[in-house]
mmCIF file of all heavy atoms, coordinates in Angstrom:
data_MODEL
# 
_entry.id   MODEL 
# 
loop_
_atom_site.group_PDB 
_atom_site.id 
_atom_site.type_symbol 
_atom_site.label_atom_id 
_atom_site.label_alt_id 
_atom_site.label_comp_id 
_atom_site.label_asym_id 
_atom_site.label_entity_id 
_atom_site.label_seq_id 
_atom_site.pdbx_PDB_ins_code 
_atom_site.Cartn_x 
_atom_site.Cartn_y 
_atom_site.Cartn_z 
_atom_site.occupancy 
_atom_site.B_iso_or_equiv 
_atom_site.pdbx_formal_charge 
_atom_site.auth_seq_id 
_atom_site.auth_comp_id 
_atom_site.auth_asym_id 
_atom_site.auth_atom_id 
_atom_site.pdbx_PDB_model_num 
ATOM 1   N N   . LEU A 1 1  ? -12.866 -4.414  11.432  1.00 0.00 ? 1  LEU A N   1 
ATOM 2   C CA  . LEU A 1 1  ? -13.390 -3.439  12.399  1.00 0.00 ? 1  LEU A CA  1 
ATOM 3   C C   . LEU A 1 1  ? -14.297 -2.398  11.752  1.00 0.00 ? 1  LEU A C   1 
ATOM 4   O O   . LEU A 1 1  ? -14.883 -1.573  12.429  1.00 0.00 ? 1  LEU A O   1 
ATOM 5   C CB  . LEU A 1 1  ? -12.229 -2.726  13.109  1.00 0.00 ? 1  LEU A CB  1 
ATOM 6   C CG  . LEU A 1 1  ? -11.397 -3.573  14.053  1.00 0.00 ? 1  LEU A CG  1 
ATOM 7   C CD1 . LEU A 1 1  ? -10.156 -2.812  14.503  1.00 0.00 ? 1  LEU A CD1 1 
ATOM 8   C CD2 . LEU A 1 1  ? -12.240 -3.987  15.254  1.00 0.00 ? 1  LEU A CD2 1 
ATOM 9   N N   . GLY A 1 2  ? -14.349 -2.423  10.408  1.00 0.00 ? 2  GLY A N   1 
ATOM 10  C CA  . GLY A 1 2  ? -15.209 -1.478  9.699   1.00 0.00 ? 2  GLY A CA  1 
ATOM 11  C C   . GLY A 1 2  ? -14.473 -0.408  8.915   1.00 0.00 ? 2  GLY A C   1 
ATOM 12  O O   . GLY A 1 2  ? -15.098 0.449   8.298   1.00 0.00 ? 2  GLY A O   1 
ATOM 13  N N   . VAL A 1 3  ? -13.169 -0.441  8.940   1.00 0.00 ? 3  VAL A N   1 
ATOM 14  C CA  . VAL A 1 3  ? -12.391 0.537   8.184   1.00 0.00 ? 3  VAL A CA  1 
ATOM 15  C C   . VAL A 1 3  ? -12.518 0.204   6.702   1.00 0.00 ? 3  VAL A C   1 
ATOM 16  O O   . VAL A 1 3  ? -12.303 -0.931  6.295   1.00 0.00 ? 3  VAL A O   1 
ATOM 17  C CB  . VAL A 1 3  ? -10.905 0.520   8.622   1.00 0.00 ? 3  VAL A CB  1 
ATOM 18  C CG1 . VAL A 1 3  ? -10.065 1.438   7.747   1.00 0.00 ? 3  VAL A CG1 1 
ATOM 19  C CG2 . VAL A 1 3  ? -10.780 0.902   10.092  1.00 0.00 ? 3  VAL A CG2 1 
ATOM 20  N N   . THR A 1 4  ? -12.886 1.197   5.901   1.00 0.00 ? 4  THR A N   1 
ATOM 21  C CA  . THR A 1 4  ? -13.048 0.965   4.465   1.00 0.00 ? 4  THR A CA  1 
ATOM 22  C C   . THR A 1 4  ? -12.030 1.725   3.625   1.00 0.00 ? 4  THR A C   1 
ATOM 23  O O   . THR A 1 4  ? -11.925 1.472   2.430   1.00 0.00 ? 4  THR A O   1 
ATOM 24  C CB  . THR A 1 4  ? -14.462 1.355   4.007   1.00 0.00 ? 4  THR A CB  1 
ATOM 25  O OG1 . THR A 1 4  ? -14.686 2.737   4.311   1.00 0.00 ? 4  THR A OG1 1 
ATOM 26  C CG2 . THR A 1 4  ? -15.513 0.478   4.690   1.00 0.00 ? 4  THR A CG2 1 
ATOM 27  N N   . THR A 1 5  ? -11.323 2.653   4.218   1.00 0.00 ? 5  THR A N   1 
ATOM 28  C CA  . THR A 1 5  ? -10.314 3.422   3.498   1.00 0.00 ? 5  THR A CA  1 
ATOM 29  C C   . THR A 1 5  ? -9.032  3.440   4.314   1.00 0.00 ? 5  THR A C   1 
ATOM 30  O O   . THR A 1 5  ? -9.060  3.764   5.503   1.00 0.00 ? 5  THR A O   1 
ATOM 31  C CB  . THR A 1 5  ? -10.787 4.870   3.260   1.00 0.00 ? 5  THR A CB  1 
ATOM 32  O OG1 . THR A 1 5  ? -12.037 4.837   2.571   1.00 0.00 ? 5  THR A OG1 1 
ATOM 33  C CG2 . THR A 1 5  ? -9.776  5.640   2.435   1.00 0.00 ? 5  THR A CG2 1 
ATOM 34  N N   . LEU A 1 6  ? -7.943  3.081   3.682   1.00 0.00 ? 6  LEU A N   1 
ATOM 35  C CA  . LEU A 1 6  ? -6.644  3.064   4.350   1.00 0.00 ? 6  LEU A CA  1 
ATOM 36  C C   . LEU A 1 6  ? -5.648  3.866   3.523   1.00 0.00 ? 6  LEU A C   1 
ATOM 37  O O   . LEU A 1 6  ? -5.668  3.803   2.291   1.00 0.00 ? 6  LEU A O   1 
ATOM 38  C CB  . LEU A 1 6  ? -6.125  1.629   4.489   1.00 0.00 ? 6  LEU A CB  1 
ATOM 39  C CG  . LEU A 1 6  ? -6.960  0.711   5.360   1.00 0.00 ? 6  LEU A CG  1 
ATOM 40  C CD1 . LEU A 1 6  ? -6.679  -0.737  5.024   1.00 0.00 ? 6  LEU A CD1 1 
ATOM 41  C CD2 . LEU A 1 6  ? -6.674  0.995   6.820   1.00 0.00 ? 6  LEU A CD2 1 
ATOM 42  N N   . LEU A 1 7  ? -4.791  4.602   4.181   1.00 0.00 ? 7  LEU A N   1 
ATOM 43  C CA  . LEU A 1 7  ? -3.699  5.299   3.516   1.00 0.00 ? 7  LEU A CA  1 
ATOM 44  C C   . LEU A 1 7  ? -2.433  4.527   3.842   1.00 0.00 ? 7  LEU A C   1 
ATOM 45  O O   . LEU A 1 7  ? -2.065  4.403   5.013   1.00 0.00 ? 7  LEU A O   1 
ATOM 46  C CB  . LEU A 1 7  ? -3.577  6.738   4.029   1.00 0.00 ? 7  LEU A CB  1 
ATOM 47  C CG  . LEU A 1 7  ? -2.325  7.505   3.622   1.00 0.00 ? 7  LEU A CG  1 
ATOM 48  C CD1 . LEU A 1 7  ? -2.280  7.686   2.110   1.00 0.00 ? 7  LEU A CD1 1 
ATOM 49  C CD2 . LEU A 1 7  ? -2.264  8.835   4.324   1.00 0.00 ? 7  LEU A CD2 1 
ATOM 50  N N   . ILE A 1 8  ? -1.821  3.962   2.826   1.00 0.00 ? 8  ILE A N   1 
ATOM 51  C CA  . ILE A 1 8  ? -0.562  3.266   3.047   1.00 0.00 ? 8  ILE A CA  1 
ATOM 52  C C   . ILE A 1 8  ? 0.495   3.937   2.194   1.00 0.00 ? 8  ILE A C   1 
ATOM 53  O O   . ILE A 1 8  ? 0.269   4.260   1.026   1.00 0.00 ? 8  ILE A O   1 
ATOM 54  C CB  . ILE A 1 8  ? -0.653  1.750   2.739   1.00 0.00 ? 8  ILE A CB  1 
ATOM 55  C CG1 . ILE A 1 8  ? -1.125  1.499   1.314   1.00 0.00 ? 8  ILE A CG1 1 
ATOM 56  C CG2 . ILE A 1 8  ? -1.551  1.045   3.736   1.00 0.00 ? 8  ILE A CG2 1 
ATOM 57  C CD1 . ILE A 1 8  ? -1.053  0.049   0.888   1.00 0.00 ? 8  ILE A CD1 1 
ATOM 58  N N   . ARG A 1 9  ? 1.611   4.195   2.795   1.00 0.00 ? 9  ARG A N   1 
ATOM 59  C CA  . ARG A 1 9  ? 2.731   4.783   2.075   1.00 0.00 ? 9  ARG A CA  1 
ATOM 60  C C   . ARG A 1 9  ? 3.995   4.432   2.822   1.00 0.00 ? 9  ARG A C   1 
ATOM 61  O O   . ARG A 1 9  ? 3.961   4.013   3.971   1.00 0.00 ? 9  ARG A O   1 
ATOM 62  C CB  . ARG A 1 9  ? 2.590   6.285   1.916   1.00 0.00 ? 9  ARG A CB  1 
ATOM 63  C CG  . ARG A 1 9  ? 2.741   7.050   3.229   1.00 0.00 ? 9  ARG A CG  1 
ATOM 64  C CD  . ARG A 1 9  ? 2.687   8.534   2.973   1.00 0.00 ? 9  ARG A CD  1 
ATOM 65  N NE  . ARG A 1 9  ? 3.027   9.279   4.163   1.00 0.00 ? 9  ARG A NE  1 
ATOM 66  C CZ  . ARG A 1 9  ? 4.252   9.725   4.444   1.00 0.00 ? 9  ARG A CZ  1 
ATOM 67  N NH1 . ARG A 1 9  ? 5.238   9.511   3.628   1.00 0.00 ? 9  ARG A NH1 1 
ATOM 68  N NH2 . ARG A 1 9  ? 4.488   10.382  5.551   1.00 0.00 ? 9  ARG A NH2 1 
ATOM 69  N N   . GLY A 1 10 ? 5.102   4.611   2.174   1.00 0.00 ? 10 GLY A N   1 
ATOM 70  C CA  . GLY A 1 10 ? 6.376   4.312   2.797   1.00 0.00 ? 10 GLY A CA  1 
ATOM 71  C C   . GLY A 1 10 ? 7.274   5.533   2.784   1.00 0.00 ? 10 GLY A C   1 
ATOM 72  O O   . GLY A 1 10 ? 6.819   6.648   2.540   1.00 0.00 ? 10 GLY A O   1 
ATOM 73  N N   . PHE A 1 11 ? 8.525   5.306   3.029   1.00 0.00 ? 11 PHE A N   1 
ATOM 74  C CA  . PHE A 1 11 ? 9.475   6.411   3.056   1.00 0.00 ? 11 PHE A CA  1 
ATOM 75  C C   . PHE A 1 11 ? 10.080  6.682   1.685   1.00 0.00 ? 11 PHE A C   1 
ATOM 76  O O   . PHE A 1 11 ? 10.695  7.710   1.471   1.00 0.00 ? 11 PHE A O   1 
ATOM 77  C CB  . PHE A 1 11 ? 10.573  6.129   4.087   1.00 0.00 ? 11 PHE A CB  1 
ATOM 78  C CG  . PHE A 1 11 ? 10.029  6.109   5.486   1.00 0.00 ? 11 PHE A CG  1 
ATOM 79  C CD1 . PHE A 1 11 ? 9.842   4.917   6.150   1.00 0.00 ? 11 PHE A CD1 1 
ATOM 80  C CD2 . PHE A 1 11 ? 9.668   7.283   6.119   1.00 0.00 ? 11 PHE A CD2 1 
ATOM 81  C CE1 . PHE A 1 11 ? 9.314   4.891   7.426   1.00 0.00 ? 11 PHE A CE1 1 
ATOM 82  C CE2 . PHE A 1 11 ? 9.143   7.276   7.386   1.00 0.00 ? 11 PHE A CE2 1 
ATOM 83  C CZ  . PHE A 1 11 ? 8.961   6.073   8.050   1.00 0.00 ? 11 PHE A CZ  1 
ATOM 84  N N   . ASP A 1 12 ? 9.916   5.764   0.766   1.00 0.00 ? 12 ASP A N   1 
ATOM 85  C CA  . ASP A 1 12 ? 10.344  5.933   -0.627  1.00 0.00 ? 12 ASP A CA  1 
ATOM 86  C C   . ASP A 1 12 ? 9.076   5.765   -1.468  1.00 0.00 ? 12 ASP A C   1 
ATOM 87  O O   . ASP A 1 12 ? 8.787   4.668   -1.951  1.00 0.00 ? 12 ASP A O   1 
ATOM 88  C CB  . ASP A 1 12 ? 11.402  4.896   -0.987  1.00 0.00 ? 12 ASP A CB  1 
ATOM 89  C CG  . ASP A 1 12 ? 11.947  5.058   -2.383  1.00 0.00 ? 12 ASP A CG  1 
ATOM 90  O OD1 . ASP A 1 12 ? 11.418  5.898   -3.146  1.00 0.00 ? 12 ASP A OD1 1 
ATOM 91  O OD2 . ASP A 1 12 ? 12.901  4.340   -2.722  1.00 0.00 ? 12 ASP A OD2 1 
ATOM 92  N N   . PRO A 1 13 ? 8.291   6.831   -1.631  1.00 0.00 ? 13 PRO A N   1 
ATOM 93  C CA  . PRO A 1 13 ? 6.934   6.696   -2.169  1.00 0.00 ? 13 PRO A CA  1 
ATOM 94  C C   . PRO A 1 13 ? 6.824   5.942   -3.496  1.00 0.00 ? 13 PRO A C   1 
ATOM 95  O O   . PRO A 1 13 ? 5.960   5.073   -3.625  1.00 0.00 ? 13 PRO A O   1 
ATOM 96  C CB  . PRO A 1 13 ? 6.466   8.143   -2.318  1.00 0.00 ? 13 PRO A CB  1 
ATOM 97  C CG  . PRO A 1 13 ? 7.238   8.885   -1.279  1.00 0.00 ? 13 PRO A CG  1 
ATOM 98  C CD  . PRO A 1 13 ? 8.584   8.212   -1.239  1.00 0.00 ? 13 PRO A CD  1 
ATOM 99  N N   . LEU A 1 14 ? 7.655   6.232   -4.475  1.00 0.00 ? 14 LEU A N   1 
ATOM 100 C CA  . LEU A 1 14 ? 7.523   5.549   -5.760  1.00 0.00 ? 14 LEU A CA  1 
ATOM 101 C C   . LEU A 1 14 ? 7.847   4.062   -5.632  1.00 0.00 ? 14 LEU A C   1 
ATOM 102 O O   . LEU A 1 14 ? 7.052   3.207   -6.036  1.00 0.00 ? 14 LEU A O   1 
ATOM 103 C CB  . LEU A 1 14 ? 8.412   6.197   -6.816  1.00 0.00 ? 14 LEU A CB  1 
ATOM 104 C CG  . LEU A 1 14 ? 8.372   5.522   -8.192  1.00 0.00 ? 14 LEU A CG  1 
ATOM 105 C CD1 . LEU A 1 14 ? 6.963   5.510   -8.757  1.00 0.00 ? 14 LEU A CD1 1 
ATOM 106 C CD2 . LEU A 1 14 ? 9.340   6.204   -9.138  1.00 0.00 ? 14 LEU A CD2 1 
ATOM 107 N N   . HIS A 1 15 ? 8.990   3.759   -5.064  1.00 0.00 ? 15 HIS A N   1 
ATOM 108 C CA  . HIS A 1 15 ? 9.393   2.360   -4.888  1.00 0.00 ? 15 HIS A CA  1 
ATOM 109 C C   . HIS A 1 15 ? 8.367   1.596   -4.054  1.00 0.00 ? 15 HIS A C   1 
ATOM 110 O O   . HIS A 1 15 ? 7.964   0.482   -4.402  1.00 0.00 ? 15 HIS A O   1 
ATOM 111 C CB  . HIS A 1 15 ? 10.777  2.283   -4.234  1.00 0.00 ? 15 HIS A CB  1 
ATOM 112 C CG  . HIS A 1 15 ? 11.169  0.902   -3.837  1.00 0.00 ? 15 HIS A CG  1 
ATOM 113 N ND1 . HIS A 1 15 ? 11.598  -0.040  -4.737  1.00 0.00 ? 15 HIS A ND1 1 
ATOM 114 C CD2 . HIS A 1 15 ? 11.154  0.283   -2.628  1.00 0.00 ? 15 HIS A CD2 1 
ATOM 115 C CE1 . HIS A 1 15 ? 11.853  -1.164  -4.109  1.00 0.00 ? 15 HIS A CE1 1 
ATOM 116 N NE2 . HIS A 1 15 ? 11.589  -0.999  -2.826  1.00 0.00 ? 15 HIS A NE2 1 
ATOM 117 N N   . ASP A 1 16 ? 7.943   2.203   -2.950  1.00 0.00 ? 16 ASP A N   1 
ATOM 118 C CA  . ASP A 1 16 ? 6.996   1.522   -2.072  1.00 0.00 ? 16 ASP A CA  1 
ATOM 119 C C   . ASP A 1 16 ? 5.653   1.317   -2.749  1.00 0.00 ? 16 ASP A C   1 
ATOM 120 O O   . ASP A 1 16 ? 5.028   0.260   -2.591  1.00 0.00 ? 16 ASP A O   1 
ATOM 121 C CB  . ASP A 1 16 ? 6.838   2.287   -0.761  1.00 0.00 ? 16 ASP A CB  1 
ATOM 122 C CG  . ASP A 1 16 ? 8.111   2.272   0.061   1.00 0.00 ? 16 ASP A CG  1 
ATOM 123 O OD1 . ASP A 1 16 ? 8.916   1.332   -0.095  1.00 0.00 ? 16 ASP A OD1 1 
ATOM 124 O OD2 . ASP A 1 16 ? 8.313   3.208   0.861   1.00 0.00 ? 16 ASP A OD2 1 
ATOM 125 N N   . ALA A 1 17 ? 5.173   2.292   -3.519  1.00 0.00 ? 17 ALA A N   1 
ATOM 126 C CA  . ALA A 1 17 ? 3.900   2.133   -4.222  1.00 0.00 ? 17 ALA A CA  1 
ATOM 127 C C   . ALA A 1 17 ? 3.975   0.966   -5.203  1.00 0.00 ? 17 ALA A C   1 
ATOM 128 O O   . ALA A 1 17 ? 3.029   0.179   -5.321  1.00 0.00 ? 17 ALA A O   1 
ATOM 129 C CB  . ALA A 1 17 ? 3.530   3.420   -4.947  1.00 0.00 ? 17 ALA A CB  1 
ATOM 130 N N   . ILE A 1 18 ? 5.098   0.840   -5.888  1.00 0.00 ? 18 ILE A N   1 
ATOM 131 C CA  . ILE A 1 18 ? 5.276   -0.271  -6.818  1.00 0.00 ? 18 ILE A CA  1 
ATOM 132 C C   . ILE A 1 18 ? 5.254   -1.598  -6.067  1.00 0.00 ? 18 ILE A C   1 
ATOM 133 O O   . ILE A 1 18 ? 4.560   -2.541  -6.450  1.00 0.00 ? 18 ILE A O   1 
ATOM 134 C CB  . ILE A 1 18 ? 6.583   -0.104  -7.615  1.00 0.00 ? 18 ILE A CB  1 
ATOM 135 C CG1 . ILE A 1 18 ? 6.458   1.094   -8.564  1.00 0.00 ? 18 ILE A CG1 1 
ATOM 136 C CG2 . ILE A 1 18 ? 6.938   -1.375  -8.378  1.00 0.00 ? 18 ILE A CG2 1 
ATOM 137 C CD1 . ILE A 1 18 ? 7.772   1.546   -9.170  1.00 0.00 ? 18 ILE A CD1 1 
ATOM 138 N N   . GLU A 1 19 ? 5.994   -1.680  -4.974  1.00 0.00 ? 19 GLU A N   1 
ATOM 139 C CA  . GLU A 1 19 ? 6.030   -2.911  -4.190  1.00 0.00 ? 19 GLU A CA  1 
ATOM 140 C C   . GLU A 1 19 ? 4.665   -3.245  -3.593  1.00 0.00 ? 19 GLU A C   1 
ATOM 141 O O   . GLU A 1 19 ? 4.245   -4.398  -3.606  1.00 0.00 ? 19 GLU A O   1 
ATOM 142 C CB  . GLU A 1 19 ? 7.079   -2.810  -3.077  1.00 0.00 ? 19 GLU A CB  1 
ATOM 143 C CG  . GLU A 1 19 ? 8.507   -2.831  -3.589  1.00 0.00 ? 19 GLU A CG  1 
ATOM 144 C CD  . GLU A 1 19 ? 8.834   -4.104  -4.337  1.00 0.00 ? 19 GLU A CD  1 
ATOM 145 O OE1 . GLU A 1 19 ? 8.547   -5.204  -3.823  1.00 0.00 ? 19 GLU A OE1 1 
ATOM 146 O OE2 . GLU A 1 19 ? 9.370   -3.998  -5.457  1.00 0.00 ? 19 GLU A OE2 1 
ATOM 147 N N   . TYR A 1 20 ? 3.965   -2.243  -3.082  1.00 0.00 ? 20 TYR A N   1 
ATOM 148 C CA  . TYR A 1 20 ? 2.628   -2.498  -2.522  1.00 0.00 ? 20 TYR A CA  1 
ATOM 149 C C   . TYR A 1 20 ? 1.702   -3.024  -3.603  1.00 0.00 ? 20 TYR A C   1 
ATOM 150 O O   . TYR A 1 20 ? 0.898   -3.916  -3.357  1.00 0.00 ? 20 TYR A O   1 
ATOM 151 C CB  . TYR A 1 20 ? 2.020   -1.228  -1.921  1.00 0.00 ? 20 TYR A CB  1 
ATOM 152 C CG  . TYR A 1 20 ? 2.770   -0.644  -0.749  1.00 0.00 ? 20 TYR A CG  1 
ATOM 153 C CD1 . TYR A 1 20 ? 2.619   0.698   -0.410  1.00 0.00 ? 20 TYR A CD1 1 
ATOM 154 C CD2 . TYR A 1 20 ? 3.636   -1.404  0.021   1.00 0.00 ? 20 TYR A CD2 1 
ATOM 155 C CE1 . TYR A 1 20 ? 3.291   1.254   0.662   1.00 0.00 ? 20 TYR A CE1 1 
ATOM 156 C CE2 . TYR A 1 20 ? 4.313   -0.857  1.088   1.00 0.00 ? 20 TYR A CE2 1 
ATOM 157 C CZ  . TYR A 1 20 ? 4.135   0.474   1.403   1.00 0.00 ? 20 TYR A CZ  1 
ATOM 158 O OH  . TYR A 1 20 ? 4.796   1.021   2.452   1.00 0.00 ? 20 TYR A OH  1 
ATOM 159 N N   . GLY A 1 21 ? 1.818   -2.456  -4.808  1.00 0.00 ? 21 GLY A N   1 
ATOM 160 C CA  . GLY A 1 21 ? 0.972   -2.899  -5.912  1.00 0.00 ? 21 GLY A CA  1 
ATOM 161 C C   . GLY A 1 21 ? 1.269   -4.313  -6.365  1.00 0.00 ? 21 GLY A C   1 
ATOM 162 O O   . GLY A 1 21 ? 0.387   -5.024  -6.835  1.00 0.00 ? 21 GLY A O   1 
ATOM 163 N N   . ARG A 1 22 ? 2.501   -4.728  -6.215  1.00 0.00 ? 22 ARG A N   1 
ATOM 164 C CA  . ARG A 1 22 ? 2.884   -6.092  -6.611  1.00 0.00 ? 22 ARG A CA  1 
ATOM 165 C C   . ARG A 1 22 ? 2.494   -7.131  -5.585  1.00 0.00 ? 22 ARG A C   1 
ATOM 166 O O   . ARG A 1 22 ? 2.115   -8.242  -5.938  1.00 0.00 ? 22 ARG A O   1 
ATOM 167 C CB  . ARG A 1 22 ? 4.401   -6.161  -6.818  1.00 0.00 ? 22 ARG A CB  1 
ATOM 168 C CG  . ARG A 1 22 ? 4.869   -5.519  -8.068  1.00 0.00 ? 22 ARG A CG  1 
ATOM 169 C CD  . ARG A 1 22 ? 6.357   -5.735  -8.244  1.00 0.00 ? 22 ARG A CD  1 
ATOM 170 N NE  . ARG A 1 22 ? 6.818   -4.993  -9.401  1.00 0.00 ? 22 ARG A NE  1 
ATOM 171 C CZ  . ARG A 1 22 ? 8.012   -4.456  -9.517  1.00 0.00 ? 22 ARG A CZ  1 
ATOM 172 N NH1 . ARG A 1 22 ? 8.898   -4.592  -8.541  1.00 0.00 ? 22 ARG A NH1 1 
ATOM 173 N NH2 . ARG A 1 22 ? 8.344   -3.797  -10.592 1.00 0.00 ? 22 ARG A NH2 1 
ATOM 174 N N   . GLU A 1 23 ? 2.660   -6.805  -4.318  1.00 0.00 ? 23 GLU A N   1 
ATOM 175 C CA  . GLU A 1 23 ? 2.488   -7.818  -3.275  1.00 0.00 ? 23 GLU A CA  1 
ATOM 176 C C   . GLU A 1 23 ? 1.342   -7.541  -2.318  1.00 0.00 ? 23 GLU A C   1 
ATOM 177 O O   . GLU A 1 23 ? 0.438   -8.353  -2.185  1.00 0.00 ? 23 GLU A O   1 
ATOM 178 C CB  . GLU A 1 23 ? 3.782   -7.948  -2.470  1.00 0.00 ? 23 GLU A CB  1 
ATOM 179 C CG  . GLU A 1 23 ? 4.963   -8.462  -3.253  1.00 0.00 ? 23 GLU A CG  1 
ATOM 180 C CD  . GLU A 1 23 ? 6.160   -8.676  -2.362  1.00 0.00 ? 23 GLU A CD  1 
ATOM 181 O OE1 . GLU A 1 23 ? 6.075   -9.564  -1.495  1.00 0.00 ? 23 GLU A OE1 1 
ATOM 182 O OE2 . GLU A 1 23 ? 7.164   -7.959  -2.527  1.00 0.00 ? 23 GLU A OE2 1 
ATOM 183 N N   . LEU A 1 24 ? 1.384   -6.418  -1.644  1.00 0.00 ? 24 LEU A N   1 
ATOM 184 C CA  . LEU A 1 24 ? 0.472   -6.159  -0.532  1.00 0.00 ? 24 LEU A CA  1 
ATOM 185 C C   . LEU A 1 24 ? -0.971  -5.958  -0.982  1.00 0.00 ? 24 LEU A C   1 
ATOM 186 O O   . LEU A 1 24 ? -1.885  -6.620  -0.465  1.00 0.00 ? 24 LEU A O   1 
ATOM 187 C CB  . LEU A 1 24 ? 0.957   -4.943  0.261   1.00 0.00 ? 24 LEU A CB  1 
ATOM 188 C CG  . LEU A 1 24 ? 0.110   -4.537  1.451   1.00 0.00 ? 24 LEU A CG  1 
ATOM 189 C CD1 . LEU A 1 24 ? 0.062   -5.648  2.482   1.00 0.00 ? 24 LEU A CD1 1 
ATOM 190 C CD2 . LEU A 1 24 ? 0.652   -3.249  2.054   1.00 0.00 ? 24 LEU A CD2 1 
ATOM 191 N N   . ILE A 1 25 ? -1.204  -5.081  -1.904  1.00 0.00 ? 25 ILE A N   1 
ATOM 192 C CA  . ILE A 1 25 ? -2.572  -4.762  -2.309  1.00 0.00 ? 25 ILE A CA  1 
ATOM 193 C C   . ILE A 1 25 ? -3.292  -5.983  -2.891  1.00 0.00 ? 25 ILE A C   1 
ATOM 194 O O   . ILE A 1 25 ? -4.456  -6.230  -2.529  1.00 0.00 ? 25 ILE A O   1 
ATOM 195 C CB  . ILE A 1 25 ? -2.597  -3.542  -3.242  1.00 0.00 ? 25 ILE A CB  1 
ATOM 196 C CG1 . ILE A 1 25 ? -2.174  -2.308  -2.434  1.00 0.00 ? 25 ILE A CG1 1 
ATOM 197 C CG2 . ILE A 1 25 ? -3.978  -3.350  -3.869  1.00 0.00 ? 25 ILE A CG2 1 
ATOM 198 C CD1 . ILE A 1 25 ? -1.938  -1.062  -3.245  1.00 0.00 ? 25 ILE A CD1 1 
ATOM 199 N N   . PRO A 1 26 ? -2.654  -6.783  -3.761  1.00 0.00 ? 26 PRO A N   1 
ATOM 200 C CA  . PRO A 1 26 ? -3.359  -7.985  -4.228  1.00 0.00 ? 26 PRO A CA  1 
ATOM 201 C C   . PRO A 1 26 ? -3.749  -8.941  -3.095  1.00 0.00 ? 26 PRO A C   1 
ATOM 202 O O   . PRO A 1 26 ? -4.830  -9.535  -3.135  1.00 0.00 ? 26 PRO A O   1 
ATOM 203 C CB  . PRO A 1 26 ? -2.353  -8.636  -5.185  1.00 0.00 ? 26 PRO A CB  1 
ATOM 204 C CG  . PRO A 1 26 ? -1.505  -7.507  -5.672  1.00 0.00 ? 26 PRO A CG  1 
ATOM 205 C CD  . PRO A 1 26 ? -1.388  -6.591  -4.485  1.00 0.00 ? 26 PRO A CD  1 
ATOM 206 N N   . LEU A 1 27 ? -2.898  -9.083  -2.097  1.00 0.00 ? 27 LEU A N   1 
ATOM 207 C CA  . LEU A 1 27 ? -3.235  -9.940  -0.951  1.00 0.00 ? 27 LEU A CA  1 
ATOM 208 C C   . LEU A 1 27 ? -4.470  -9.425  -0.228  1.00 0.00 ? 27 LEU A C   1 
ATOM 209 O O   . LEU A 1 27 ? -5.379  -10.189 0.117   1.00 0.00 ? 27 LEU A O   1 
ATOM 210 C CB  . LEU A 1 27 ? -2.060  -10.012 0.024   1.00 0.00 ? 27 LEU A CB  1 
ATOM 211 C CG  . LEU A 1 27 ? -0.825  -10.771 -0.405  1.00 0.00 ? 27 LEU A CG  1 
ATOM 212 C CD1 . LEU A 1 27 ? 0.336   -10.499 0.562   1.00 0.00 ? 27 LEU A CD1 1 
ATOM 213 C CD2 . LEU A 1 27 ? -1.112  -12.260 -0.469  1.00 0.00 ? 27 LEU A CD2 1 
# 
């Protein structure tokens, strides 16, 4: 749709950032 910047975070910021970096962001 044209979005170039996204803010993603969870309720456990450190744990979620690690998980996003392992799985979500590479995808």
